[in-house]
Amino acid sequence: MIETTFRAMGTTISLHGDASNIARAGSAFDRYERRFSRFLPDSELSRMNASRAETVRLSPTMAEIMTIAADLRNRTDGLVDVGVGGAVVDWGYAGTFADICDLDQAPEHALRQPWNLEATMLHRSPGTMIDLGGIAKGWACDRVVESGLAAVASAGGDLRSKDPSLVVDVVDGDGDIAAEVFVGVGALATSSITKRRWKVAGSAAHHVIDPRTMAPATTPIASATVVARTAAEAEAGAKAVLLKGVGGLAWADSQPWISRAIAVWHDGNVYGTTIARAS
């Protein structure tokens, strides 16, 4: 078993697995980046966003991930919505994070852009931009582990494992360990508003857009971590807990697809769900 790390999909990828498969796993992440990145102008996602057509035919792979996105939007009461890409750009996150500059003024209030999927056909209102973000990273980890190319795959906080003994440290904004979480055969993801930050009109902004306001989320939670069966599910669950704020953990506790959840408040307090289900 070996470990390798590299940059892809705008974050750090970490893979644990057999030496014979690790190179193939790395190539898979490269392929996923070329398809799903909004930073590469020739990716399928960028070409889809650049199109003015209200109905777009998707490749089977893009249709697969958009089907997952639609399901997770429903499961999270609409809070995890890949259709907020336009707001992400308007609030300053247009290129890679290294290219972000502070903005002198906030963008005008934007309306939520509806979209729906029928098989491989994406229907959207004019101007809708899709940002697959964390869901694509989680999906990529899921695919690499499910295909046997890695025992554990992690992409910027989204992790999928088939190691039955895996325990993961959850850290707070200062880098201190806030909790130790048993993952085992399953997945974990963390959503945070403490790292990717910049200034808009003199106030802090970040990349987690609340689709109810189409602005960076305001929440008492600094970071939320969820354990679920897949990394895509864990990613959506963690973001929903973050956006729901005070009621986030109670909501997670009521979701059968979430096995456990932890929230780190801005004041440093750490809370968790009362029930840990088998993932």
C-alpha atoms as a PDB file:
ATOM      1  CA  MET A   1       0.000   0.000   0.000  1.00  0.00           C
ATOM      2  CA  ILE A   2       1.419   3.390  -0.968  1.00  0.00           C
ATOM      3  CA  GLU A   3       0.275   6.996  -0.659  1.00  0.00           C
ATOM      4  CA  THR A   4       0.563   9.744  -3.240  1.00  0.00           C
ATOM      5  CA  THR A   5      -0.576  13.367  -3.325  1.00  0.00           C
ATOM      6  CA  PHE A   6      -0.944  15.759  -6.250  1.00  0.00           C
ATOM      7  CA  ARG A   7      -2.958  18.757  -7.405  1.00  0.00           C
ATOM      8  CA  ALA A   8      -6.106  18.300  -9.475  1.00  0.00           C
ATOM      9  CA  MET A   9      -9.653  19.672  -9.590  1.00  0.00           C
ATOM     10  CA  GLY A  10      -8.455  22.858  -7.844  1.00  0.00           C
ATOM     11  CA  THR A  11      -7.370  21.064  -4.670  1.00  0.00           C
ATOM     12  CA  THR A  12      -4.974  18.513  -3.183  1.00  0.00           C
ATOM     13  CA  ILE A  13      -5.732  14.887  -4.011  1.00  0.00           C
ATOM     14  CA  SER A  14      -4.510  12.121  -1.711  1.00  0.00           C
ATOM     15  CA  LEU A  15      -4.664   8.454  -2.722  1.00  0.00           C
ATOM     16  CA  HIS A  16      -3.885   5.287  -0.768  1.00  0.00           C
ATOM     17  CA  GLY A  17      -3.713   2.017  -2.659  1.00  0.00           C
ATOM     18  CA  ASP A  18      -1.707  -0.579  -4.526  1.00  0.00           C
ATOM     19  CA  ALA A  19       1.229   0.710  -6.530  1.00  0.00           C
ATOM     20  CA  SER A  20      -0.138  -0.978  -9.643  1.00  0.00           C
ATOM     21  CA  ASN A  21      -3.350   1.090  -9.539  1.00  0.00           C
ATOM     22  CA  ILE A  22      -2.306   4.471  -8.148  1.00  0.00           C
ATOM     23  CA  ALA A  23      -1.124   5.829 -11.504  1.00  0.00           C
ATOM     24  CA  ARG A  24      -4.458   4.853 -13.089  1.00  0.00           C
ATOM     25  CA  ALA A  25      -6.297   6.570 -10.234  1.00  0.00           C
ATOM     26  CA  GLY A  26      -4.300   9.749 -10.821  1.00  0.00           C
ATOM     27  CA  SER A  27      -5.121   9.622 -14.525  1.00  0.00           C
ATOM     28  CA  ALA A  28      -8.800   9.287 -13.652  1.00  0.00           C
ATOM     29  CA  PHE A  29      -8.693  12.521 -11.626  1.00  0.00           C
ATOM     30  CA  ASP A  30      -7.021  14.256 -14.569  1.00  0.00           C
ATOM     31  CA  ARG A  31      -9.858  13.114 -16.834  1.00  0.00           C
ATOM     32  CA  TYR A  32     -12.495  14.282 -14.376  1.00  0.00           C
ATOM     33  CA  GLU A  33     -10.831  17.702 -14.112  1.00  0.00           C
ATOM     34  CA  ARG A  34     -10.807  18.094 -17.899  1.00  0.00           C
ATOM     35  CA  ARG A  35     -14.532  17.369 -17.962  1.00  0.00           C
ATOM     36  CA  PHE A  36     -15.872  19.112 -14.830  1.00  0.00           C
ATOM     37  CA  SER A  37     -13.564  22.087 -14.197  1.00  0.00           C
ATOM     38  CA  ARG A  38     -15.049  25.559 -14.581  1.00  0.00           C
ATOM     39  CA  PHE A  39     -11.496  26.928 -14.789  1.00  0.00           C
ATOM     40  CA  LEU A  40     -10.591  25.132 -18.033  1.00  0.00           C
ATOM     41  CA  PRO A  41     -12.233  26.855 -21.017  1.00  0.00           C
ATOM     42  CA  ASP A  42     -12.427  23.661 -23.075  1.00  0.00           C
ATOM     43  CA  SER A  43     -13.965  21.447 -20.357  1.00  0.00           C
ATOM     44  CA  GLU A  44     -17.444  20.084 -20.961  1.00  0.00           C
ATOM     45  CA  LEU A  45     -18.720  22.160 -18.021  1.00  0.00           C
ATOM     46  CA  SER A  46     -17.205  25.400 -19.361  1.00  0.00           C
ATOM     47  CA  ARG A  47     -18.600  24.781 -22.835  1.00  0.00           C
ATOM     48  CA  MET A  48     -22.000  24.020 -21.331  1.00  0.00           C
ATOM     49  CA  ASN A  49     -21.930  27.239 -19.286  1.00  0.00           C
ATOM     50  CA  ALA A  50     -20.800  29.275 -22.301  1.00  0.00           C
ATOM     51  CA  SER A  51     -23.681  28.027 -24.427  1.00  0.00           C
ATOM     52  CA  ARG A  52     -26.726  30.285 -24.699  1.00  0.00           C
ATOM     53  CA  ALA A  53     -29.028  27.340 -25.354  1.00  0.00           C
ATOM     54  CA  GLU A  54     -31.748  26.778 -22.760  1.00  0.00           C
ATOM     55  CA  THR A  55     -31.623  23.022 -23.412  1.00  0.00           C
ATOM     56  CA  VAL A  56     -28.291  21.212 -23.642  1.00  0.00           C
ATOM     57  CA  ARG A  57     -27.591  17.562 -24.370  1.00  0.00           C
ATOM     58  CA  LEU A  58     -25.086  16.174 -21.882  1.00  0.00           C
ATOM     59  CA  SER A  59     -22.548  13.401 -22.230  1.00  0.00           C
ATOM     60  CA  PRO A  60     -23.459  10.244 -20.294  1.00  0.00           C
ATOM     61  CA  THR A  61     -20.843  11.057 -17.627  1.00  0.00           C
ATOM     62  CA  MET A  62     -22.070  14.636 -17.196  1.00  0.00           C
ATOM     63  CA  ALA A  63     -25.654  13.399 -17.102  1.00  0.00           C
ATOM     64  CA  GLU A  64     -24.690  10.946 -14.362  1.00  0.00           C
ATOM     65  CA  ILE A  65     -23.210  13.608 -12.105  1.00  0.00           C
ATOM     66  CA  MET A  66     -26.058  16.052 -12.824  1.00  0.00           C
ATOM     67  CA  THR A  67     -28.547  13.323 -11.881  1.00  0.00           C
ATOM     68  CA  ILE A  68     -26.735  12.955  -8.552  1.00  0.00           C
ATOM     69  CA  ALA A  69     -26.762  16.754  -8.141  1.00  0.00           C
ATOM     70  CA  ALA A  70     -30.510  16.877  -8.755  1.00  0.00           C
ATOM     71  CA  ASP A  71     -31.111  14.127  -6.187  1.00  0.00           C
ATOM     72  CA  LEU A  72     -28.947  15.848  -3.576  1.00  0.00           C
ATOM     73  CA  ARG A  73     -30.680  19.163  -4.200  1.00  0.00           C
ATOM     74  CA  ASN A  74     -33.968  17.461  -3.335  1.00  0.00           C
ATOM     75  CA  ARG A  75     -32.553  15.715  -0.267  1.00  0.00           C
ATOM     76  CA  THR A  76     -31.167  18.987   1.145  1.00  0.00           C
ATOM     77  CA  ASP A  77     -34.355  21.031   0.686  1.00  0.00           C
ATOM     78  CA  GLY A  78     -32.758  22.889  -2.227  1.00  0.00           C
ATOM     79  CA  LEU A  79     -29.783  24.139  -0.202  1.00  0.00           C
ATOM     80  CA  VAL A  80     -27.144  22.261  -2.193  1.00  0.00           C
ATOM     81  CA  ASP A  81     -27.714  23.581  -5.695  1.00  0.00           C
ATOM     82  CA  VAL A  82     -25.088  23.420  -8.459  1.00  0.00           C
ATOM     83  CA  GLY A  83     -27.004  26.161 -10.286  1.00  0.00           C
ATOM     84  CA  VAL A  84     -25.401  28.946  -8.191  1.00  0.00           C
ATOM     85  CA  GLY A  85     -22.345  29.193 -10.464  1.00  0.00           C
ATOM     86  CA  GLY A  86     -23.260  32.668 -11.660  1.00  0.00           C
ATOM     87  CA  ALA A  87     -23.358  33.982  -8.088  1.00  0.00           C
ATOM     88  CA  VAL A  88     -19.994  32.356  -7.324  1.00  0.00           C
ATOM     89  CA  VAL A  89     -18.481  34.288 -10.227  1.00  0.00           C
ATOM     90  CA  ASP A  90     -20.316  37.553  -9.410  1.00  0.00           C
ATOM     91  CA  TRP A  91     -18.991  37.496  -5.846  1.00  0.00           C
ATOM     92  CA  GLY A  92     -15.411  37.314  -7.126  1.00  0.00           C
ATOM     93  CA  TYR A  93     -14.563  33.633  -7.505  1.00  0.00           C
ATOM     94  CA  ALA A  94     -14.276  33.762 -11.288  1.00  0.00           C
ATOM     95  CA  GLY A  95     -10.916  32.034 -11.744  1.00  0.00           C
ATOM     96  CA  THR A  96      -8.841  29.819  -9.509  1.00  0.00           C
ATOM     97  CA  PHE A  97      -8.591  30.870  -5.875  1.00  0.00           C
ATOM     98  CA  ALA A  98      -5.040  32.122  -6.408  1.00  0.00           C
ATOM     99  CA  ASP A  99      -6.420  34.644  -8.908  1.00  0.00           C
ATOM    100  CA  ILE A 100      -9.120  36.132  -6.663  1.00  0.00           C
ATOM    101  CA  CYS A 101      -8.976  39.870  -6.030  1.00  0.00           C
ATOM    102  CA  ASP A 102     -11.013  41.855  -3.517  1.00  0.00           C
ATOM    103  CA  LEU A 103     -14.055  43.649  -4.953  1.00  0.00           C
ATOM    104  CA  ASP A 104     -14.907  47.282  -4.206  1.00  0.00           C
ATOM    105  CA  GLN A 105     -18.640  46.672  -4.203  1.00  0.00           C
ATOM    106  CA  ALA A 106     -21.039  43.792  -3.803  1.00  0.00           C
ATOM    107  CA  PRO A 107     -22.905  42.528  -6.872  1.00  0.00           C
ATOM    108  CA  GLU A 108     -26.538  43.369  -7.346  1.00  0.00           C
ATOM    109  CA  HIS A 109     -29.004  40.894  -5.879  1.00  0.00           C
ATOM    110  CA  ALA A 110     -29.365  37.946  -8.237  1.00  0.00           C
ATOM    111  CA  LEU A 111     -32.347  35.662  -8.630  1.00  0.00           C
ATOM    112  CA  ARG A 112     -32.013  31.925  -8.226  1.00  0.00           C
ATOM    113  CA  GLN A 113     -31.715  30.238 -11.616  1.00  0.00           C
ATOM    114  CA  PRO A 114     -33.900  27.104 -11.980  1.00  0.00           C
ATOM    115  CA  TRP A 115     -32.773  24.022 -13.867  1.00  0.00           C
ATOM    116  CA  ASN A 116     -34.004  20.480 -14.319  1.00  0.00           C
ATOM    117  CA  LEU A 117     -32.795  17.295 -15.929  1.00  0.00           C
ATOM    118  CA  GLU A 118     -34.590  14.830 -18.195  1.00  0.00           C
ATOM    119  CA  ALA A 119     -32.330  11.862 -18.940  1.00  0.00           C
ATOM    120  CA  THR A 120     -29.379  13.493 -20.765  1.00  0.00           C
ATOM    121  CA  MET A 121     -31.134  16.803 -21.465  1.00  0.00           C
ATOM    122  CA  LEU A 122     -30.438  19.759 -19.179  1.00  0.00           C
ATOM    123  CA  HIS A 123     -33.144  22.440 -19.175  1.00  0.00           C
ATOM    124  CA  ARG A 124     -32.249  25.782 -17.608  1.00  0.00           C
ATOM    125  CA  SER A 125     -33.288  29.391 -17.529  1.00  0.00           C
ATOM    126  CA  PRO A 126     -31.151  31.898 -19.477  1.00  0.00           C
ATOM    127  CA  GLY A 127     -27.923  32.786 -17.728  1.00  0.00           C
ATOM    128  CA  THR A 128     -27.798  29.725 -15.491  1.00  0.00           C
ATOM    129  CA  MET A 129     -24.225  28.653 -14.706  1.00  0.00           C
ATOM    130  CA  ILE A 130     -23.459  25.268 -13.195  1.00  0.00           C
ATOM    131  CA  ASP A 131     -20.695  24.909 -10.598  1.00  0.00           C
ATOM    132  CA  LEU A 132     -20.142  21.242  -9.740  1.00  0.00           C
ATOM    133  CA  GLY A 133     -17.547  22.109  -7.090  1.00  0.00           C
ATOM    134  CA  GLY A 134     -17.528  19.745  -4.139  1.00  0.00           C
ATOM    135  CA  ILE A 135     -20.006  17.305  -5.657  1.00  0.00           C
ATOM    136  CA  ALA A 136     -17.596  16.618  -8.525  1.00  0.00           C
ATOM    137  CA  LYS A 137     -14.728  16.082  -6.078  1.00  0.00           C
ATOM    138  CA  GLY A 138     -16.801  13.703  -3.994  1.00  0.00           C
ATOM    139  CA  TRP A 139     -18.056  11.899  -7.080  1.00  0.00           C
ATOM    140  CA  ALA A 140     -14.471  11.484  -8.319  1.00  0.00           C
ATOM    141  CA  CYS A 141     -13.390   9.959  -4.994  1.00  0.00           C
ATOM    142  CA  ASP A 142     -16.374   7.618  -5.118  1.00  0.00           C
ATOM    143  CA  ARG A 143     -15.569   6.441  -8.632  1.00  0.00           C
ATOM    144  CA  VAL A 144     -11.881   5.817  -7.943  1.00  0.00           C
ATOM    145  CA  VAL A 145     -12.582   3.741  -4.826  1.00  0.00           C
ATOM    146  CA  GLU A 146     -15.594   1.917  -6.275  1.00  0.00           C
ATOM    147  CA  SER A 147     -13.548   0.938  -9.333  1.00  0.00           C
ATOM    148  CA  GLY A 148     -10.805  -0.545  -7.128  1.00  0.00           C
ATOM    149  CA  LEU A 149      -8.122   1.969  -8.091  1.00  0.00           C
ATOM    150  CA  ALA A 150      -7.592   3.162  -4.494  1.00  0.00           C
ATOM    151  CA  ALA A 151      -8.440   2.043  -0.976  1.00  0.00           C
ATOM    152  CA  VAL A 152      -8.870   5.638   0.185  1.00  0.00           C
ATOM    153  CA  ALA A 153      -9.276   8.730  -1.982  1.00  0.00           C
ATOM    154  CA  SER A 154      -9.447  12.282  -0.646  1.00  0.00           C
ATOM    155  CA  ALA A 155     -10.031  15.517  -2.554  1.00  0.00           C
ATOM    156  CA  GLY A 156      -9.902  18.717  -0.542  1.00  0.00           C
ATOM    157  CA  GLY A 157     -11.829  17.404   2.447  1.00  0.00           C
ATOM    158  CA  ASP A 158     -14.057  14.939   0.578  1.00  0.00           C
ATOM    159  CA  LEU A 159     -13.037  11.353   1.287  1.00  0.00           C
ATOM    160  CA  ARG A 160     -14.169   7.858   0.266  1.00  0.00           C
ATOM    161  CA  SER A 161     -12.817   4.748   1.982  1.00  0.00           C
ATOM    162  CA  LYS A 162     -12.966   0.975   1.820  1.00  0.00           C
ATOM    163  CA  ASP A 163     -10.593   0.684   4.808  1.00  0.00           C
ATOM    164  CA  PRO A 164     -12.739  -0.799   7.620  1.00  0.00           C
ATOM    165  CA  SER A 165     -10.507   0.707  10.320  1.00  0.00           C
ATOM    166  CA  LEU A 166     -10.207   4.271   9.003  1.00  0.00           C
ATOM    167  CA  VAL A 167     -10.462   7.067  11.575  1.00  0.00           C
ATOM    168  CA  VAL A 168     -10.226  10.706  10.441  1.00  0.00           C
ATOM    169  CA  ASP A 169      -9.239  13.782  12.448  1.00  0.00           C
ATOM    170  CA  VAL A 170     -11.573  16.760  12.003  1.00  0.00           C
ATOM    171  CA  VAL A 171      -9.683  20.012  12.510  1.00  0.00           C
ATOM    172  CA  ASP A 172     -10.964  23.461  13.378  1.00  0.00           C
ATOM    173  CA  GLY A 173     -10.066  26.773  11.751  1.00  0.00           C
ATOM    174  CA  ASP A 174      -6.828  26.976  13.751  1.00  0.00           C
ATOM    175  CA  GLY A 175      -5.712  23.537  12.629  1.00  0.00           C
ATOM    176  CA  ASP A 176      -6.364  21.918  16.001  1.00  0.00           C
ATOM    177  CA  ILE A 177      -8.141  18.557  16.215  1.00  0.00           C
ATOM    178  CA  ALA A 178     -11.812  19.175  16.991  1.00  0.00           C
ATOM    179  CA  ALA A 179     -12.921  15.537  16.845  1.00  0.00           C
ATOM    180  CA  GLU A 180     -11.876  12.049  15.813  1.00  0.00           C
ATOM    181  CA  VAL A 181     -14.433  10.420  13.521  1.00  0.00           C
ATOM    182  CA  PHE A 182     -14.693   6.755  12.616  1.00  0.00           C
ATOM    183  CA  VAL A 183     -15.348   6.392   8.883  1.00  0.00           C
ATOM    184  CA  GLY A 184     -14.481   2.782   8.105  1.00  0.00           C
ATOM    185  CA  VAL A 185     -16.050   1.660   4.835  1.00  0.00           C
ATOM    186  CA  GLY A 186     -17.861   4.829   3.863  1.00  0.00           C
ATOM    187  CA  ALA A 187     -17.240   8.501   3.229  1.00  0.00           C
ATOM    188  CA  LEU A 188     -16.660  11.805   4.966  1.00  0.00           C
ATOM    189  CA  ALA A 189     -16.735  15.422   3.826  1.00  0.00           C
ATOM    190  CA  THR A 190     -16.187  18.799   5.459  1.00  0.00           C
ATOM    191  CA  SER A 191     -17.634  22.098   4.321  1.00  0.00           C
ATOM    192  CA  SER A 192     -16.054  25.254   5.724  1.00  0.00           C
ATOM    193  CA  ILE A 193     -16.260  29.014   5.309  1.00  0.00           C
ATOM    194  CA  THR A 194     -13.001  29.748   7.143  1.00  0.00           C
ATOM    195  CA  LYS A 195     -10.412  29.063   4.440  1.00  0.00           C
ATOM    196  CA  ARG A 196     -11.284  30.435   0.988  1.00  0.00           C
ATOM    197  CA  ARG A 197     -12.041  34.031   1.922  1.00  0.00           C
ATOM    198  CA  TRP A 198     -11.547  37.483   0.383  1.00  0.00           C
ATOM    199  CA  LYS A 199     -13.060  40.979   0.723  1.00  0.00           C
ATOM    200  CA  VAL A 200     -16.128  42.381  -1.022  1.00  0.00           C
ATOM    201  CA  ALA A 201     -17.019  46.005  -0.202  1.00  0.00           C
ATOM    202  CA  GLY A 202     -14.745  45.768   2.838  1.00  0.00           C
ATOM    203  CA  SER A 203     -16.473  42.706   4.309  1.00  0.00           C
ATOM    204  CA  ALA A 204     -15.396  39.075   4.278  1.00  0.00           C
ATOM    205  CA  ALA A 205     -16.736  36.887   1.474  1.00  0.00           C
ATOM    206  CA  HIS A 206     -16.318  33.183   0.790  1.00  0.00           C
ATOM    207  CA  HIS A 207     -17.170  30.527  -1.769  1.00  0.00           C
ATOM    208  CA  VAL A 208     -20.203  28.879  -0.100  1.00  0.00           C
ATOM    209  CA  ILE A 209     -23.199  30.523  -1.760  1.00  0.00           C
ATOM    210  CA  ASP A 210     -26.590  30.284  -0.063  1.00  0.00           C
ATOM    211  CA  PRO A 211     -29.103  29.717  -2.893  1.00  0.00           C
ATOM    212  CA  ARG A 212     -31.812  31.416  -0.809  1.00  0.00           C
ATOM    213  CA  THR A 213     -29.932  34.724  -0.988  1.00  0.00           C
ATOM    214  CA  MET A 214     -27.456  34.072  -3.849  1.00  0.00           C
ATOM    215  CA  ALA A 215     -24.775  35.532  -1.565  1.00  0.00           C
ATOM    216  CA  PRO A 216     -22.041  34.042   0.641  1.00  0.00           C
ATOM    217  CA  ALA A 217     -23.713  32.174   3.482  1.00  0.00           C
ATOM    218  CA  THR A 218     -24.119  33.742   6.911  1.00  0.00           C
ATOM    219  CA  THR A 219     -24.057  30.985   9.507  1.00  0.00           C
ATOM    220  CA  PRO A 220     -22.906  30.438  13.111  1.00  0.00           C
ATOM    221  CA  ILE A 221     -21.136  27.285  11.944  1.00  0.00           C
ATOM    222  CA  ALA A 222     -17.526  27.640  10.800  1.00  0.00           C
ATOM    223  CA  SER A 223     -17.286  24.111   9.443  1.00  0.00           C
ATOM    224  CA  ALA A 224     -19.513  21.052   9.226  1.00  0.00           C
ATOM    225  CA  THR A 225     -18.469  17.436   8.735  1.00  0.00           C
ATOM    226  CA  VAL A 226     -20.742  14.575   7.693  1.00  0.00           C
ATOM    227  CA  VAL A 227     -20.204  10.828   7.385  1.00  0.00           C
ATOM    228  CA  ALA A 228     -22.344   9.043   4.792  1.00  0.00           C
ATOM    229  CA  ARG A 229     -22.199   6.120   2.386  1.00  0.00           C
ATOM    230  CA  THR A 230     -20.669   8.090  -0.515  1.00  0.00           C
ATOM    231  CA  ALA A 231     -18.443  11.148  -0.682  1.00  0.00           C
ATOM    232  CA  ALA A 232     -20.949  12.983  -2.889  1.00  0.00           C
ATOM    233  CA  GLU A 233     -23.644  12.443  -0.245  1.00  0.00           C
ATOM    234  CA  ALA A 234     -21.290  13.463   2.560  1.00  0.00           C
ATOM    235  CA  GLU A 235     -20.341  16.642   0.667  1.00  0.00           C
ATOM    236  CA  ALA A 236     -23.975  17.631   0.201  1.00  0.00           C
ATOM    237  CA  GLY A 237     -24.848  16.782   3.800  1.00  0.00           C
ATOM    238  CA  ALA A 238     -21.970  18.839   5.188  1.00  0.00           C
ATOM    239  CA  LYS A 239     -22.881  21.877   3.096  1.00  0.00           C
ATOM    240  CA  ALA A 240     -26.543  21.591   4.117  1.00  0.00           C
ATOM    241  CA  VAL A 241     -25.638  21.452   7.822  1.00  0.00           C
ATOM    242  CA  LEU A 242     -23.439  24.538   7.345  1.00  0.00           C
ATOM    243  CA  LEU A 243     -26.192  26.462   5.546  1.00  0.00           C
ATOM    244  CA  LYS A 244     -28.943  25.426   7.957  1.00  0.00           C
ATOM    245  CA  GLY A 245     -26.910  26.824  10.839  1.00  0.00           C
ATOM    246  CA  VAL A 246     -28.509  26.422  14.270  1.00  0.00           C
ATOM    247  CA  GLY A 247     -30.883  23.734  13.016  1.00  0.00           C
ATOM    248  CA  GLY A 248     -28.274  21.915  10.946  1.00  0.00           C
ATOM    249  CA  LEU A 249     -27.406  19.093  13.323  1.00  0.00           C
ATOM    250  CA  ALA A 250     -31.044  18.390  14.178  1.00  0.00           C
ATOM    251  CA  TRP A 251     -31.757  18.147  10.454  1.00  0.00           C
ATOM    252  CA  ALA A 252     -28.785  15.798   9.933  1.00  0.00           C
ATOM    253  CA  ASP A 253     -29.972  13.635  12.825  1.00  0.00           C
ATOM    254  CA  SER A 254     -33.282  13.146  11.013  1.00  0.00           C
ATOM    255  CA  GLN A 255     -31.722  12.061   7.703  1.00  0.00           C
ATOM    256  CA  PRO A 256     -31.364   8.277   7.288  1.00  0.00           C
ATOM    257  CA  TRP A 257     -28.609   8.731   4.689  1.00  0.00           C
ATOM    258  CA  ILE A 258     -26.373  10.643   7.150  1.00  0.00           C
ATOM    259  CA  SER A 259     -24.678   8.410   9.721  1.00  0.00           C
ATOM    260  CA  ARG A 260     -23.170  11.197  11.820  1.00  0.00           C
ATOM    261  CA  ALA A 261     -22.461  14.932  11.693  1.00  0.00           C
ATOM    262  CA  ILE A 262     -20.198  17.346  13.567  1.00  0.00           C
ATOM    263  CA  ALA A 263     -20.281  21.144  13.563  1.00  0.00           C
ATOM    264  CA  VAL A 264     -17.563  23.528  14.719  1.00  0.00           C
ATOM    265  CA  TRP A 265     -19.021  26.893  15.702  1.00  0.00           C
ATOM    266  CA  HIS A 266     -17.169  30.168  15.141  1.00  0.00           C
ATOM    267  CA  ASP A 267     -16.616  30.405  18.907  1.00  0.00           C
ATOM    268  CA  GLY A 268     -14.723  27.101  18.839  1.00  0.00           C
ATOM    269  CA  ASN A 269     -17.434  24.950  20.399  1.00  0.00           C
ATOM    270  CA  VAL A 270     -17.902  21.529  18.812  1.00  0.00           C
ATOM    271  CA  TYR A 271     -21.266  19.728  18.623  1.00  0.00           C
ATOM    272  CA  GLY A 272     -22.386  16.464  17.067  1.00  0.00           C
ATOM    273  CA  THR A 273     -25.472  14.474  16.250  1.00  0.00           C
ATOM    274  CA  THR A 274     -26.807  12.189  18.958  1.00  0.00           C
ATOM    275  CA  ILE A 275     -27.037   9.062  16.800  1.00  0.00           C
ATOM    276  CA  ALA A 276     -24.232   7.402  14.825  1.00  0.00           C
ATOM    277  CA  ARG A 277     -25.735   5.104  12.195  1.00  0.00           C
ATOM    278  CA  ALA A 278     -23.849   2.494  10.236  1.00  0.00           C
ATOM    279  CA  SER A 279     -22.945   4.011   6.866  1.00  0.00           C
END
